[in-house]
Amino acid sequence: MNDLNTAKTAADKIVNIVVDVRDEVDKVKKALGDYLVPANISLRAEEIAAMNNNFQNITEDSNKINKSFNDFDGDKQVKSSIEETIKKNK
């Protein structure tokens, strides 16, 4: 019977160690939060694609504005005023 108690005590210690390790792993996962690599990579890839689309839209709009400005045949004073406004906003 003594051997059975010794084995039970040893098994209980091992189970307690496993539970403690699992708790520590859970704490690390919680601390990592958004840094979990597989989910994070996928999320960041989507964000980068969206930012790239926004950048392309801004670039296209800027090119259209520049073309319109260059094609402007109006008054020189108006064109000068537009140029000054653009310089101030850069």
PDB file of N, CA and C in Angstrom:
ATOM      1  N   MET A   1       0.821  -1.191   0.000  1.00  0.00           N
ATOM      2  CA  MET A   1       0.000   0.000   0.000  1.00  0.00           C
ATOM      3  C   MET A   1       0.866   1.257   0.000  1.00  0.00           C
ATOM      4  N   ASN A   2       2.025   1.152   0.639  1.00  0.00           N
ATOM      5  CA  ASN A   2       2.942   2.270   0.721  1.00  0.00           C
ATOM      6  C   ASN A   2       3.410   2.687  -0.676  1.00  0.00           C
ATOM      7  N   ASP A   3       3.652   1.707  -1.555  1.00  0.00           N
ATOM      8  CA  ASP A   3       4.074   2.005  -2.926  1.00  0.00           C
ATOM      9  C   ASP A   3       2.971   2.743  -3.686  1.00  0.00           C
ATOM     10  N   LEU A   4       1.730   2.363  -3.400  1.00  0.00           N
ATOM     11  CA  LEU A   4       0.602   3.029  -4.062  1.00  0.00           C
ATOM     12  C   LEU A   4       0.496   4.476  -3.630  1.00  0.00           C
ATOM     13  N   ASN A   5       0.684   4.752  -2.372  1.00  0.00           N
ATOM     14  CA  ASN A   5       0.639   6.131  -1.868  1.00  0.00           C
ATOM     15  C   ASN A   5       1.790   6.947  -2.444  1.00  0.00           C
ATOM     16  N   THR A   6       2.958   6.342  -2.540  1.00  0.00           N
ATOM     17  CA  THR A   6       4.115   7.031  -3.093  1.00  0.00           C
ATOM     18  C   THR A   6       3.864   7.371  -4.565  1.00  0.00           C
ATOM     19  N   ALA A   7       3.300   6.424  -5.307  1.00  0.00           N
ATOM     20  CA  ALA A   7       2.995   6.647  -6.727  1.00  0.00           C
ATOM     21  C   ALA A   7       1.934   7.727  -6.880  1.00  0.00           C
ATOM     22  N   LYS A   8       0.908   7.700  -6.006  1.00  0.00           N
ATOM     23  CA  LYS A   8      -0.144   8.705  -6.069  1.00  0.00           C
ATOM     24  C   LYS A   8       0.433  10.093  -5.777  1.00  0.00           C
ATOM     25  N   THR A   9       1.291  10.189  -4.801  1.00  0.00           N
ATOM     26  CA  THR A   9       1.914  11.462  -4.444  1.00  0.00           C
ATOM     27  C   THR A   9       2.765  11.980  -5.603  1.00  0.00           C
ATOM     28  N   ALA A  10       3.525  11.081  -6.227  1.00  0.00           N
ATOM     29  CA  ALA A  10       4.351  11.467  -7.379  1.00  0.00           C
ATOM     30  C   ALA A  10       3.470  11.911  -8.538  1.00  0.00           C
ATOM     31  N   ALA A  11       2.387  11.207  -8.789  1.00  0.00           N
ATOM     32  CA  ALA A  11       1.463  11.561  -9.876  1.00  0.00           C
ATOM     33  C   ALA A  11       0.811  12.909  -9.600  1.00  0.00           C
ATOM     34  N   ASP A  12       0.428  13.163  -8.357  1.00  0.00           N
ATOM     35  CA  ASP A  12      -0.173  14.452  -7.985  1.00  0.00           C
ATOM     36  C   ASP A  12       0.807  15.603  -8.218  1.00  0.00           C
ATOM     37  N   LYS A  13       2.084  15.369  -7.884  1.00  0.00           N
ATOM     38  CA  LYS A  13       3.097  16.400  -8.108  1.00  0.00           C
ATOM     39  C   LYS A  13       3.238  16.704  -9.605  1.00  0.00           C
ATOM     40  N   ILE A  14       3.256  15.640 -10.404  1.00  0.00           N
ATOM     41  CA  ILE A  14       3.381  15.822 -11.865  1.00  0.00           C
ATOM     42  C   ILE A  14       2.168  16.576 -12.405  1.00  0.00           C
ATOM     43  N   VAL A  15       0.972  16.215 -11.963  1.00  0.00           N
ATOM     44  CA  VAL A  15      -0.241  16.905 -12.414  1.00  0.00           C
ATOM     45  C   VAL A  15      -0.197  18.366 -12.011  1.00  0.00           C
ATOM     46  N   ASN A  16       0.266  18.652 -10.809  1.00  0.00           N
ATOM     47  CA  ASN A  16       0.365  20.044 -10.365  1.00  0.00           C
ATOM     48  C   ASN A  16       1.362  20.825 -11.214  1.00  0.00           C
ATOM     49  N   ILE A  17       2.488  20.180 -11.560  1.00  0.00           N
ATOM     50  CA  ILE A  17       3.471  20.839 -12.427  1.00  0.00           C
ATOM     51  C   ILE A  17       2.861  21.124 -13.792  1.00  0.00           C
ATOM     52  N   VAL A  18       2.137  20.155 -14.355  1.00  0.00           N
ATOM     53  CA  VAL A  18       1.501  20.329 -15.671  1.00  0.00           C
ATOM     54  C   VAL A  18       0.490  21.470 -15.619  1.00  0.00           C
ATOM     55  N   VAL A  19      -0.310  21.527 -14.577  1.00  0.00           N
ATOM     56  CA  VAL A  19      -1.301  22.601 -14.437  1.00  0.00           C
ATOM     57  C   VAL A  19      -0.602  23.952 -14.332  1.00  0.00           C
ATOM     58  N   ASP A  20       0.485  24.020 -13.554  1.00  0.00           N
ATOM     59  CA  ASP A  20       1.235  25.273 -13.421  1.00  0.00           C
ATOM     60  C   ASP A  20       1.824  25.705 -14.762  1.00  0.00           C
ATOM     61  N   VAL A  21       2.374  24.750 -15.506  1.00  0.00           N
ATOM     62  CA  VAL A  21       2.942  25.064 -16.818  1.00  0.00           C
ATOM     63  C   VAL A  21       1.846  25.566 -17.752  1.00  0.00           C
ATOM     64  N   ARG A  22       0.704  24.902 -17.750  1.00  0.00           N
ATOM     65  CA  ARG A  22      -0.410  25.335 -18.592  1.00  0.00           C
ATOM     66  C   ARG A  22      -0.854  26.746 -18.217  1.00  0.00           C
ATOM     67  N   ASP A  23      -0.911  27.052 -16.942  1.00  0.00           N
ATOM     68  CA  ASP A  23      -1.271  28.399 -16.493  1.00  0.00           C
ATOM     69  C   ASP A  23      -0.254  29.427 -16.995  1.00  0.00           C
ATOM     70  N   GLU A  24       1.029  29.077 -16.938  1.00  0.00           N
ATOM     71  CA  GLU A  24       2.072  29.992 -17.420  1.00  0.00           C
ATOM     72  C   GLU A  24       1.951  30.203 -18.935  1.00  0.00           C
ATOM     73  N   VAL A  25       1.669  29.141 -19.676  1.00  0.00           N
ATOM     74  CA  VAL A  25       1.478  29.258 -21.128  1.00  0.00           C
ATOM     75  C   VAL A  25       0.291  30.171 -21.423  1.00  0.00           C
ATOM     76  N   ASP A  26      -0.783  30.005 -20.681  1.00  0.00           N
ATOM     77  CA  ASP A  26      -1.951  30.877 -20.868  1.00  0.00           C
ATOM     78  C   ASP A  26      -1.614  32.338 -20.574  1.00  0.00           C
ATOM     79  N   LYS A  27      -0.808  32.569 -19.538  1.00  0.00           N
ATOM     80  CA  LYS A  27      -0.394  33.941 -19.213  1.00  0.00           C
ATOM     81  C   LYS A  27       0.430  34.540 -20.348  1.00  0.00           C
ATOM     82  N   VAL A  28       1.339  33.738 -20.905  1.00  0.00           N
ATOM     83  CA  VAL A  28       2.176  34.223 -22.015  1.00  0.00           C
ATOM     84  C   VAL A  28       1.306  34.530 -23.239  1.00  0.00           C
ATOM     85  N   LYS A  29       0.375  33.643 -23.550  1.00  0.00           N
ATOM     86  CA  LYS A  29      -0.523  33.891 -24.692  1.00  0.00           C
ATOM     87  C   LYS A  29      -1.311  35.173 -24.485  1.00  0.00           C
ATOM     88  N   LYS A  30      -1.798  35.368 -23.267  1.00  0.00           N
ATOM     89  CA  LYS A  30      -2.560  36.582 -22.969  1.00  0.00           C
ATOM     90  C   LYS A  30      -1.671  37.814 -23.092  1.00  0.00           C
ATOM     91  N   ALA A  31      -0.438  37.721 -22.603  1.00  0.00           N
ATOM     92  CA  ALA A  31       0.486  38.851 -22.680  1.00  0.00           C
ATOM     93  C   ALA A  31       0.844  39.173 -24.126  1.00  0.00           C
ATOM     94  N   LEU A  32       0.955  38.138 -24.953  1.00  0.00           N
ATOM     95  CA  LEU A  32       1.277  38.362 -26.362  1.00  0.00           C
ATOM     96  C   LEU A  32       0.126  39.033 -27.091  1.00  0.00           C
ATOM     97  N   GLY A  33      -1.076  38.680 -26.720  1.00  0.00           N
ATOM     98  CA  GLY A  33      -2.253  39.298 -27.319  1.00  0.00           C
ATOM     99  C   GLY A  33      -2.186  39.350 -28.821  1.00  0.00           C
ATOM    100  N   ASP A  34      -2.033  40.561 -29.370  1.00  0.00           N
ATOM    101  CA  ASP A  34      -2.066  40.803 -30.810  1.00  0.00           C
ATOM    102  C   ASP A  34      -0.813  40.311 -31.520  1.00  0.00           C
ATOM    103  N   TYR A  35       0.153  39.848 -30.773  1.00  0.00           N
ATOM    104  CA  TYR A  35       1.416  39.447 -31.380  1.00  0.00           C
ATOM    105  C   TYR A  35       1.460  37.968 -31.769  1.00  0.00           C
ATOM    106  N   LEU A  36       0.345  37.292 -31.669  1.00  0.00           N
ATOM    107  CA  LEU A  36       0.319  35.908 -32.119  1.00  0.00           C
ATOM    108  C   LEU A  36       0.573  35.905 -33.622  1.00  0.00           C
ATOM    109  N   VAL A  37       1.609  35.273 -34.033  1.00  0.00           N
ATOM    110  CA  VAL A  37       2.156  35.415 -35.378  1.00  0.00           C
ATOM    111  C   VAL A  37       1.178  35.069 -36.506  1.00  0.00           C
ATOM    112  N   PRO A  38       0.575  33.896 -36.560  1.00  0.00           N
ATOM    113  CA  PRO A  38      -0.266  33.582 -37.733  1.00  0.00           C
ATOM    114  C   PRO A  38      -1.427  34.560 -37.925  1.00  0.00           C
ATOM    115  N   ALA A  39      -2.135  34.838 -36.862  1.00  0.00           N
ATOM    116  CA  ALA A  39      -3.264  35.767 -36.969  1.00  0.00           C
ATOM    117  C   ALA A  39      -2.768  37.167 -37.267  1.00  0.00           C
ATOM    118  N   ASN A  40      -1.673  37.552 -36.656  1.00  0.00           N
ATOM    119  CA  ASN A  40      -1.122  38.890 -36.826  1.00  0.00           C
ATOM    120  C   ASN A  40      -0.660  39.121 -38.265  1.00  0.00           C
ATOM    121  N   ILE A  41      -0.003  38.135 -38.857  1.00  0.00           N
ATOM    122  CA  ILE A  41       0.474  38.275 -40.237  1.00  0.00           C
ATOM    123  C   ILE A  41      -0.698  38.478 -41.181  1.00  0.00           C
ATOM    124  N   SER A  42      -1.725  37.692 -41.024  1.00  0.00           N
ATOM    125  CA  SER A  42      -2.905  37.806 -41.886  1.00  0.00           C
ATOM    126  C   SER A  42      -3.562  39.171 -41.738  1.00  0.00           C
ATOM    127  N   LEU A  43      -3.714  39.613 -40.503  1.00  0.00           N
ATOM    128  CA  LEU A  43      -4.336  40.910 -40.241  1.00  0.00           C
ATOM    129  C   LEU A  43      -3.495  42.040 -40.822  1.00  0.00           C
ATOM    130  N   ARG A  44      -2.192  41.999 -40.606  1.00  0.00           N
ATOM    131  CA  ARG A  44      -1.312  43.060 -41.113  1.00  0.00           C
ATOM    132  C   ARG A  44      -1.278  43.074 -42.637  1.00  0.00           C
ATOM    133  N   ALA A  45      -1.347  41.901 -43.271  1.00  0.00           N
ATOM    134  CA  ALA A  45      -1.370  41.841 -44.733  1.00  0.00           C
ATOM    135  C   ALA A  45      -2.609  42.552 -45.278  1.00  0.00           C
ATOM    136  N   GLU A  46      -3.737  42.349 -44.625  1.00  0.00           N
ATOM    137  CA  GLU A  46      -4.977  43.023 -45.045  1.00  0.00           C
ATOM    138  C   GLU A  46      -4.859  44.533 -44.842  1.00  0.00           C
ATOM    139  N   GLU A  47      -4.280  44.942 -43.724  1.00  0.00           N
ATOM    140  CA  GLU A  47      -4.112  46.376 -43.459  1.00  0.00           C
ATOM    141  C   GLU A  47      -3.172  47.022 -44.472  1.00  0.00           C
ATOM    142  N   ILE A  48      -2.096  46.312 -44.825  1.00  0.00           N
ATOM    143  CA  ILE A  48      -1.151  46.846 -45.806  1.00  0.00           C
ATOM    144  C   ILE A  48      -1.818  46.975 -47.171  1.00  0.00           C
ATOM    145  N   ALA A  49      -2.616  45.995 -47.558  1.00  0.00           N
ATOM    146  CA  ALA A  49      -3.320  46.061 -48.837  1.00  0.00           C
ATOM    147  C   ALA A  49      -4.283  47.248 -48.862  1.00  0.00           C
ATOM    148  N   ALA A  50      -4.995  47.472 -47.765  1.00  0.00           N
ATOM    149  CA  ALA A  50      -5.928  48.603 -47.691  1.00  0.00           C
ATOM    150  C   ALA A  50      -5.172  49.931 -47.751  1.00  0.00           C
ATOM    151  N   MET A  51      -4.041  50.017 -47.047  1.00  0.00           N
ATOM    152  CA  MET A  51      -3.249  51.247 -47.080  1.00  0.00           C
ATOM    153  C   MET A  51      -2.685  51.494 -48.479  1.00  0.00           C
ATOM    154  N   ASN A  52      -2.291  50.427 -49.156  1.00  0.00           N
ATOM    155  CA  ASN A  52      -1.778  50.552 -50.513  1.00  0.00           C
ATOM    156  C   ASN A  52      -2.861  51.080 -51.447  1.00  0.00           C
ATOM    157  N   ASN A  53      -4.080  50.578 -51.297  1.00  0.00           N
ATOM    158  CA  ASN A  53      -5.200  51.080 -52.109  1.00  0.00           C
ATOM    159  C   ASN A  53      -5.441  52.559 -51.841  1.00  0.00           C
ATOM    160  N   ASN A  54      -5.411  52.945 -50.573  1.00  0.00           N
ATOM    161  CA  ASN A  54      -5.598  54.359 -50.226  1.00  0.00           C
ATOM    162  C   ASN A  54      -4.491  55.222 -50.821  1.00  0.00           C
ATOM    163  N   PHE A  55      -3.250  54.736 -50.753  1.00  0.00           N
ATOM    164  CA  PHE A  55      -2.127  55.475 -51.302  1.00  0.00           C
ATOM    165  C   PHE A  55      -2.285  55.638 -52.812  1.00  0.00           C
ATOM    166  N   GLN A  56      -2.718  54.577 -53.485  1.00  0.00           N
ATOM    167  CA  GLN A  56      -2.933  54.664 -54.935  1.00  0.00           C
ATOM    168  C   GLN A  56      -4.019  55.686 -55.272  1.00  0.00           C
ATOM    169  N   ASN A  57      -5.093  55.700 -54.484  1.00  0.00           N
ATOM    170  CA  ASN A  57      -6.167  56.673 -54.708  1.00  0.00           C
ATOM    171  C   ASN A  57      -5.668  58.100 -54.513  1.00  0.00           C
ATOM    172  N   ILE A  58      -4.879  58.308 -53.474  1.00  0.00           N
ATOM    173  CA  ILE A  58      -4.333  59.644 -53.210  1.00  0.00           C
ATOM    174  C   ILE A  58      -3.405  60.069 -54.338  1.00  0.00           C
ATOM    175  N   THR A  59      -2.570  59.132 -54.806  1.00  0.00           N
ATOM    176  CA  THR A  59      -1.646  59.430 -55.904  1.00  0.00           C
ATOM    177  C   THR A  59      -2.414  59.792 -57.173  1.00  0.00           C
ATOM    178  N   GLU A  60      -3.455  59.023 -57.478  1.00  0.00           N
ATOM    179  CA  GLU A  60      -4.272  59.320 -58.666  1.00  0.00           C
ATOM    180  C   GLU A  60      -4.935  60.690 -58.540  1.00  0.00           C
ATOM    181  N   ASP A  61      -5.491  60.981 -57.373  1.00  0.00           N
ATOM    182  CA  ASP A  61      -6.128  62.283 -57.160  1.00  0.00           C
ATOM    183  C   ASP A  61      -5.111  63.416 -57.309  1.00  0.00           C
ATOM    184  N   SER A  62      -3.930  63.212 -56.743  1.00  0.00           N
ATOM    185  CA  SER A  62      -2.888  64.220 -56.848  1.00  0.00           C
ATOM    186  C   SER A  62      -2.490  64.446 -58.305  1.00  0.00           C
ATOM    187  N   ASN A  63      -2.363  63.371 -59.051  1.00  0.00           N
ATOM    188  CA  ASN A  63      -2.012  63.495 -60.470  1.00  0.00           C
ATOM    189  C   ASN A  63      -3.100  64.236 -61.252  1.00  0.00           C
ATOM    190  N   LYS A  64      -4.348  63.951 -60.918  1.00  0.00           N
ATOM    191  CA  LYS A  64      -5.456  64.651 -61.585  1.00  0.00           C
ATOM    192  C   LYS A  64      -5.427  66.146 -61.275  1.00  0.00           C
ATOM    193  N   ILE A  65      -5.170  66.469 -60.005  1.00  0.00           N
ATOM    194  CA  ILE A  65      -5.111  67.885 -59.608  1.00  0.00           C
ATOM    195  C   ILE A  65      -3.968  68.579 -60.331  1.00  0.00           C
ATOM    196  N   ASN A  66      -2.796  67.927 -60.360  1.00  0.00           N
ATOM    197  CA  ASN A  66      -1.648  68.527 -61.053  1.00  0.00           C
ATOM    198  C   ASN A  66      -1.932  68.722 -62.539  1.00  0.00           C
ATOM    199  N   LYS A  67      -2.578  67.741 -63.166  1.00  0.00           N
ATOM    200  CA  LYS A  67      -2.903  67.870 -64.593  1.00  0.00           C
ATOM    201  C   LYS A  67      -3.886  69.010 -64.807  1.00  0.00           C
ATOM    202  N   SER A  68      -4.896  69.085 -63.954  1.00  0.00           N
ATOM    203  CA  SER A  68      -5.868  70.178 -64.072  1.00  0.00           C
ATOM    204  C   SER A  68      -5.179  71.525 -63.894  1.00  0.00           C
ATOM    205  N   PHE A  69      -4.275  71.602 -62.940  1.00  0.00           N
ATOM    206  CA  PHE A  69      -3.564  72.847 -62.698  1.00  0.00           C
ATOM    207  C   PHE A  69      -2.709  73.220 -63.915  1.00  0.00           C
ATOM    208  N   ASN A  70      -2.001  72.232 -64.450  1.00  0.00           N
ATOM    209  CA  ASN A  70      -1.142  72.498 -65.603  1.00  0.00           C
ATOM    210  C   ASN A  70      -1.947  72.859 -66.852  1.00  0.00           C
ATOM    211  N   ASP A  71      -3.169  72.328 -66.950  1.00  0.00           N
ATOM    212  CA  ASP A  71      -4.023  72.618 -68.103  1.00  0.00           C
ATOM    213  C   ASP A  71      -4.818  73.909 -67.930  1.00  0.00           C
ATOM    214  N   PHE A  72      -4.712  74.535 -66.763  1.00  0.00           N
ATOM    215  CA  PHE A  72      -5.504  75.724 -66.454  1.00  0.00           C
ATOM    216  C   PHE A  72      -5.091  76.893 -67.368  1.00  0.00           C
ATOM    217  N   ASP A  73      -6.067  77.466 -68.061  1.00  0.00           N
ATOM    218  CA  ASP A  73      -5.811  78.572 -68.981  1.00  0.00           C
ATOM    219  C   ASP A  73      -6.329  79.899 -68.446  1.00  0.00           C
ATOM    220  N   GLY A  74      -6.668  79.927 -67.158  1.00  0.00           N
ATOM    221  CA  GLY A  74      -7.279  81.120 -66.597  1.00  0.00           C
ATOM    222  C   GLY A  74      -6.289  82.222 -66.316  1.00  0.00           C
ATOM    223  N   ASP A  75      -6.737  83.154 -65.561  1.00  0.00           N
ATOM    224  CA  ASP A  75      -5.993  84.349 -65.181  1.00  0.00           C
ATOM    225  C   ASP A  75      -4.685  83.970 -64.466  1.00  0.00           C
ATOM    226  N   LYS A  76      -3.586  84.657 -64.786  1.00  0.00           N
ATOM    227  CA  LYS A  76      -2.286  84.380 -64.173  1.00  0.00           C
ATOM    228  C   LYS A  76      -2.317  84.621 -62.669  1.00  0.00           C
ATOM    229  N   GLN A  77      -3.094  85.610 -62.244  1.00  0.00           N
ATOM    230  CA  GLN A  77      -3.180  85.918 -60.812  1.00  0.00           C
ATOM    231  C   GLN A  77      -3.851  84.748 -60.066  1.00  0.00           C
ATOM    232  N   VAL A  78      -4.892  84.174 -60.690  1.00  0.00           N
ATOM    233  CA  VAL A  78      -5.583  83.038 -60.073  1.00  0.00           C
ATOM    234  C   VAL A  78      -4.626  81.852 -59.992  1.00  0.00           C
ATOM    235  N   LYS A  79      -3.893  81.601 -61.071  1.00  0.00           N
ATOM    236  CA  LYS A  79      -2.948  80.488 -61.101  1.00  0.00           C
ATOM    237  C   LYS A  79      -1.854  80.707 -60.044  1.00  0.00           C
ATOM    238  N   SER A  80      -1.388  81.929 -59.889  1.00  0.00           N
ATOM    239  CA  SER A  80      -0.381  82.252 -58.895  1.00  0.00           C
ATOM    240  C   SER A  80      -0.915  82.006 -57.491  1.00  0.00           C
ATOM    241  N   SER A  81      -2.156  82.363 -57.263  1.00  0.00           N
ATOM    242  CA  SER A  81      -2.793  82.149 -55.964  1.00  0.00           C
ATOM    243  C   SER A  81      -2.911  80.653 -55.665  1.00  0.00           C
ATOM    244  N   ILE A  82      -3.251  79.878 -56.683  1.00  0.00           N
ATOM    245  CA  ILE A  82      -3.353  78.421 -56.511  1.00  0.00           C
ATOM    246  C   ILE A  82      -1.982  77.843 -56.174  1.00  0.00           C
ATOM    247  N   GLU A  83      -0.946  78.290 -56.890  1.00  0.00           N
ATOM    248  CA  GLU A  83       0.413  77.803 -56.623  1.00  0.00           C
ATOM    249  C   GLU A  83       0.830  78.095 -55.180  1.00  0.00           C
ATOM    250  N   GLU A  84       0.510  79.272 -54.710  1.00  0.00           N
ATOM    251  CA  GLU A  84       0.866  79.643 -53.352  1.00  0.00           C
ATOM    252  C   GLU A  84       0.138  78.792 -52.333  1.00  0.00           C
ATOM    253  N   THR A  85      -1.122  78.506 -52.573  1.00  0.00           N
ATOM    254  CA  THR A  85      -1.909  77.666 -51.686  1.00  0.00           C
ATOM    255  C   THR A  85      -1.330  76.257 -51.628  1.00  0.00           C
ATOM    256  N   ILE A  86      -0.914  75.751 -52.789  1.00  0.00           N
ATOM    257  CA  ILE A  86      -0.326  74.403 -52.831  1.00  0.00           C
ATOM    258  C   ILE A  86       0.974  74.378 -52.043  1.00  0.00           C
ATOM    259  N   LYS A  87       1.798  75.402 -52.195  1.00  0.00           N
ATOM    260  CA  LYS A  87       3.075  75.449 -51.466  1.00  0.00           C
ATOM    261  C   LYS A  87       2.851  75.472 -49.958  1.00  0.00           C
ATOM    262  N   LYS A  88       1.846  76.209 -49.509  1.00  0.00           N
ATOM    263  CA  LYS A  88       1.557  76.314 -48.085  1.00  0.00           C
ATOM    264  C   LYS A  88       1.102  74.972 -47.503  1.00  0.00           C
ATOM    265  N   ASN A  89       0.425  74.160 -48.333  1.00  0.00           N
ATOM    266  CA  ASN A  89      -0.153  72.907 -47.850  1.00  0.00           C
ATOM    267  C   ASN A  89       0.761  71.710 -48.023  1.00  0.00           C
ATOM    268  N   LYS A  90       1.984  71.913 -48.487  1.00  0.00           N
ATOM    269  CA  LYS A  90       2.913  70.782 -48.637  1.00  0.00           C
ATOM    270  C   LYS A  90       3.567  70.464 -47.328  1.00  0.00           C
TER     271      LYS A  90
END
